[in-house]
Amino acid sequence: MHFLSHSTQETEAIGEELAQKLRGGDVLAFTGSLGMGKTAFTRGLARGLGCRGRVTSPTFTIVNEYEGDIPLFHF
């Protein structure tokens, strides 16, 4: 799957849209350099999964966990 985004808002919207296609147990892996929008994407994904907490980069943690309709683990 490939997506092209021109802004943080578009990146979040892509994450939110993709969340609607996911089911419990699905694994999503993506990579990118620092500042490429991984956390922005995850913010949208979390919103789409019904997660209510603030989404932050796991740069200095092992994993961030967000509770929602489907739990989200951000590595």
N, C-alpha and C. Protein backbone atom coordinates (compact mmCIF):
# COMPACT_ATOMS: atom_id res chain seq x y z
N MET A 1 0.83 -1.17 0.00
CA MET A 1 0.00 0.00 0.00
C MET A 1 0.89 1.24 0.00
N HIS A 2 0.53 2.22 -0.77
CA HIS A 2 1.28 3.47 -0.80
C HIS A 2 0.31 4.63 -0.65
N PHE A 3 0.73 5.61 0.13
CA PHE A 3 -0.04 6.83 0.33
C PHE A 3 0.89 8.01 0.14
N LEU A 4 0.37 9.10 -0.36
CA LEU A 4 1.15 10.32 -0.51
C LEU A 4 0.44 11.43 0.25
N SER A 5 1.18 12.07 1.14
CA SER A 5 0.62 13.14 1.95
C SER A 5 1.44 14.40 1.76
N HIS A 6 0.75 15.53 1.80
CA HIS A 6 1.43 16.82 1.65
C HIS A 6 1.38 17.65 2.93
N SER A 7 0.80 17.09 3.99
CA SER A 7 0.70 17.85 5.24
C SER A 7 0.46 16.90 6.41
N THR A 8 0.68 17.42 7.60
CA THR A 8 0.41 16.65 8.81
C THR A 8 -1.06 16.25 8.86
N GLN A 9 -1.94 17.17 8.48
CA GLN A 9 -3.37 16.88 8.50
C GLN A 9 -3.73 15.74 7.54
N GLU A 10 -3.14 15.75 6.36
CA GLU A 10 -3.39 14.67 5.41
C GLU A 10 -2.86 13.35 5.94
N THR A 11 -1.69 13.38 6.57
CA THR A 11 -1.09 12.17 7.13
C THR A 11 -1.99 11.59 8.21
N GLU A 12 -2.49 12.45 9.10
CA GLU A 12 -3.40 11.98 10.15
C GLU A 12 -4.68 11.41 9.53
N ALA A 13 -5.20 12.05 8.51
CA ALA A 13 -6.43 11.58 7.86
C ALA A 13 -6.21 10.20 7.22
N ILE A 14 -5.04 9.98 6.65
CA ILE A 14 -4.73 8.67 6.07
C ILE A 14 -4.73 7.61 7.17
N GLY A 15 -4.11 7.92 8.30
CA GLY A 15 -4.09 6.98 9.42
C GLY A 15 -5.49 6.68 9.92
N GLU A 16 -6.31 7.71 10.03
CA GLU A 16 -7.68 7.53 10.51
C GLU A 16 -8.50 6.68 9.53
N GLU A 17 -8.31 6.91 8.25
CA GLU A 17 -9.03 6.14 7.23
C GLU A 17 -8.59 4.67 7.24
N LEU A 18 -7.29 4.45 7.35
CA LEU A 18 -6.78 3.08 7.37
C LEU A 18 -7.27 2.33 8.60
N ALA A 19 -7.42 3.02 9.71
CA ALA A 19 -7.89 2.38 10.94
C ALA A 19 -9.24 1.70 10.74
N GLN A 20 -10.06 2.24 9.87
CA GLN A 20 -11.39 1.66 9.63
C GLN A 20 -11.31 0.29 8.96
N LYS A 21 -10.17 -0.01 8.36
CA LYS A 21 -9.99 -1.29 7.67
C LYS A 21 -9.34 -2.35 8.55
N LEU A 22 -8.83 -1.94 9.72
CA LEU A 22 -8.11 -2.87 10.59
C LEU A 22 -9.06 -3.63 11.51
N ARG A 23 -8.63 -4.80 11.91
CA ARG A 23 -9.36 -5.64 12.85
C ARG A 23 -8.40 -6.05 13.96
N GLY A 24 -8.93 -6.42 15.11
CA GLY A 24 -8.10 -6.86 16.22
C GLY A 24 -7.13 -7.94 15.78
N GLY A 25 -5.87 -7.80 16.15
CA GLY A 25 -4.85 -8.77 15.78
C GLY A 25 -4.06 -8.39 14.54
N ASP A 26 -4.55 -7.41 13.77
CA ASP A 26 -3.80 -6.95 12.60
C ASP A 26 -2.50 -6.29 13.05
N VAL A 27 -1.48 -6.43 12.24
CA VAL A 27 -0.19 -5.80 12.52
C VAL A 27 0.13 -4.87 11.36
N LEU A 28 0.50 -3.65 11.70
CA LEU A 28 0.85 -2.65 10.70
C LEU A 28 2.27 -2.20 10.99
N ALA A 29 3.15 -2.29 10.02
CA ALA A 29 4.53 -1.87 10.21
C ALA A 29 4.88 -0.82 9.15
N PHE A 30 5.49 0.26 9.59
CA PHE A 30 5.94 1.28 8.66
C PHE A 30 7.21 1.90 9.20
N THR A 31 8.03 2.39 8.30
CA THR A 31 9.31 2.98 8.69
C THR A 31 9.47 4.34 8.02
N GLY A 32 10.35 5.11 8.56
CA GLY A 32 10.66 6.41 7.97
C GLY A 32 11.69 7.12 8.81
N SER A 33 12.35 8.05 8.21
CA SER A 33 13.36 8.85 8.91
C SER A 33 12.70 9.75 9.94
N LEU A 34 13.52 10.32 10.79
CA LEU A 34 13.06 11.26 11.80
C LEU A 34 12.31 12.41 11.12
N GLY A 35 11.12 12.71 11.61
CA GLY A 35 10.34 13.82 11.07
C GLY A 35 9.53 13.49 9.83
N MET A 36 9.41 12.22 9.49
CA MET A 36 8.69 11.83 8.27
C MET A 36 7.18 11.72 8.47
N GLY A 37 6.70 11.81 9.71
CA GLY A 37 5.26 11.77 9.93
C GLY A 37 4.74 10.49 10.54
N LYS A 38 5.62 9.66 11.07
CA LYS A 38 5.18 8.39 11.65
C LYS A 38 4.23 8.62 12.83
N THR A 39 4.56 9.57 13.68
CA THR A 39 3.70 9.84 14.83
C THR A 39 2.41 10.53 14.40
N ALA A 40 2.47 11.40 13.41
CA ALA A 40 1.25 12.02 12.88
C ALA A 40 0.32 10.95 12.33
N PHE A 41 0.89 10.01 11.60
CA PHE A 41 0.10 8.89 11.08
C PHE A 41 -0.53 8.10 12.23
N THR A 42 0.27 7.84 13.26
CA THR A 42 -0.21 7.08 14.41
C THR A 42 -1.30 7.84 15.16
N ARG A 43 -1.20 9.17 15.22
CA ARG A 43 -2.27 9.98 15.84
C ARG A 43 -3.59 9.74 15.12
N GLY A 44 -3.57 9.77 13.80
CA GLY A 44 -4.78 9.52 13.03
C GLY A 44 -5.26 8.09 13.20
N LEU A 45 -4.33 7.15 13.20
CA LEU A 45 -4.68 5.75 13.39
C LEU A 45 -5.34 5.56 14.75
N ALA A 46 -4.76 6.15 15.78
CA ALA A 46 -5.33 6.04 17.13
C ALA A 46 -6.73 6.64 17.18
N ARG A 47 -6.91 7.80 16.58
CA ARG A 47 -8.24 8.43 16.55
C ARG A 47 -9.24 7.52 15.85
N GLY A 48 -8.82 6.93 14.74
CA GLY A 48 -9.70 6.02 14.00
C GLY A 48 -10.02 4.74 14.76
N LEU A 49 -9.14 4.36 15.69
CA LEU A 49 -9.37 3.15 16.49
C LEU A 49 -10.10 3.47 17.80
N GLY A 50 -10.46 4.72 17.98
CA GLY A 50 -11.20 5.10 19.18
C GLY A 50 -10.34 5.34 20.40
N CYS A 51 -9.04 5.51 20.22
CA CYS A 51 -8.15 5.78 21.34
C CYS A 51 -8.31 7.24 21.76
N ARG A 52 -8.33 7.48 23.05
CA ARG A 52 -8.62 8.82 23.56
C ARG A 52 -7.40 9.58 24.06
N GLY A 53 -6.31 8.90 24.37
CA GLY A 53 -5.15 9.56 24.96
C GLY A 53 -4.33 10.34 23.96
N ARG A 54 -3.39 11.11 24.48
CA ARG A 54 -2.46 11.88 23.66
C ARG A 54 -1.43 10.93 23.05
N VAL A 55 -1.23 11.01 21.76
CA VAL A 55 -0.27 10.15 21.06
C VAL A 55 1.06 10.88 20.98
N THR A 56 2.10 10.22 21.46
CA THR A 56 3.44 10.79 21.42
C THR A 56 4.40 9.80 20.77
N SER A 57 5.53 10.31 20.34
CA SER A 57 6.55 9.46 19.73
C SER A 57 7.16 8.54 20.78
N PRO A 58 7.38 7.27 20.43
CA PRO A 58 8.02 6.36 21.38
C PRO A 58 9.54 6.43 21.33
N THR A 59 10.09 7.54 20.87
CA THR A 59 11.54 7.68 20.70
C THR A 59 12.31 7.31 21.96
N PHE A 60 11.83 7.72 23.12
CA PHE A 60 12.57 7.48 24.35
C PHE A 60 11.90 6.43 25.24
N THR A 61 10.96 5.70 24.69
CA THR A 61 10.32 4.60 25.42
C THR A 61 10.38 3.36 24.54
N ILE A 62 10.08 2.24 25.13
CA ILE A 62 10.08 1.00 24.34
C ILE A 62 8.79 0.91 23.53
N VAL A 63 7.67 1.23 24.17
CA VAL A 63 6.38 1.15 23.48
C VAL A 63 5.40 2.10 24.16
N ASN A 64 4.55 2.72 23.37
CA ASN A 64 3.41 3.48 23.90
C ASN A 64 2.16 2.67 23.62
N GLU A 65 1.31 2.54 24.62
CA GLU A 65 0.07 1.77 24.48
C GLU A 65 -1.11 2.71 24.62
N TYR A 66 -2.08 2.58 23.70
CA TYR A 66 -3.27 3.42 23.72
C TYR A 66 -4.50 2.52 23.74
N GLU A 67 -5.37 2.75 24.70
CA GLU A 67 -6.59 1.96 24.80
C GLU A 67 -7.67 2.59 23.94
N GLY A 68 -8.38 1.75 23.21
CA GLY A 68 -9.47 2.21 22.36
C GLY A 68 -10.35 1.04 22.01
N ASP A 69 -11.19 1.21 21.00
CA ASP A 69 -12.03 0.11 20.55
C ASP A 69 -11.15 -1.09 20.18
N ILE A 70 -10.02 -0.80 19.56
CA ILE A 70 -8.97 -1.79 19.31
C ILE A 70 -7.70 -1.20 19.92
N PRO A 71 -7.04 -1.90 20.85
CA PRO A 71 -5.82 -1.35 21.45
C PRO A 71 -4.74 -1.10 20.40
N LEU A 72 -3.94 -0.06 20.63
CA LEU A 72 -2.88 0.30 19.70
C LEU A 72 -1.56 0.31 20.46
N PHE A 73 -0.57 -0.40 19.94
CA PHE A 73 0.77 -0.43 20.52
C PHE A 73 1.71 0.23 19.53
N HIS A 74 2.34 1.33 19.95
CA HIS A 74 3.18 2.16 19.08
C HIS A 74 4.63 1.95 19.51
N PHE A 75 5.42 1.26 18.67
CA PHE A 75 6.82 0.97 18.96
C PHE A 75 7.71 1.99 18.29
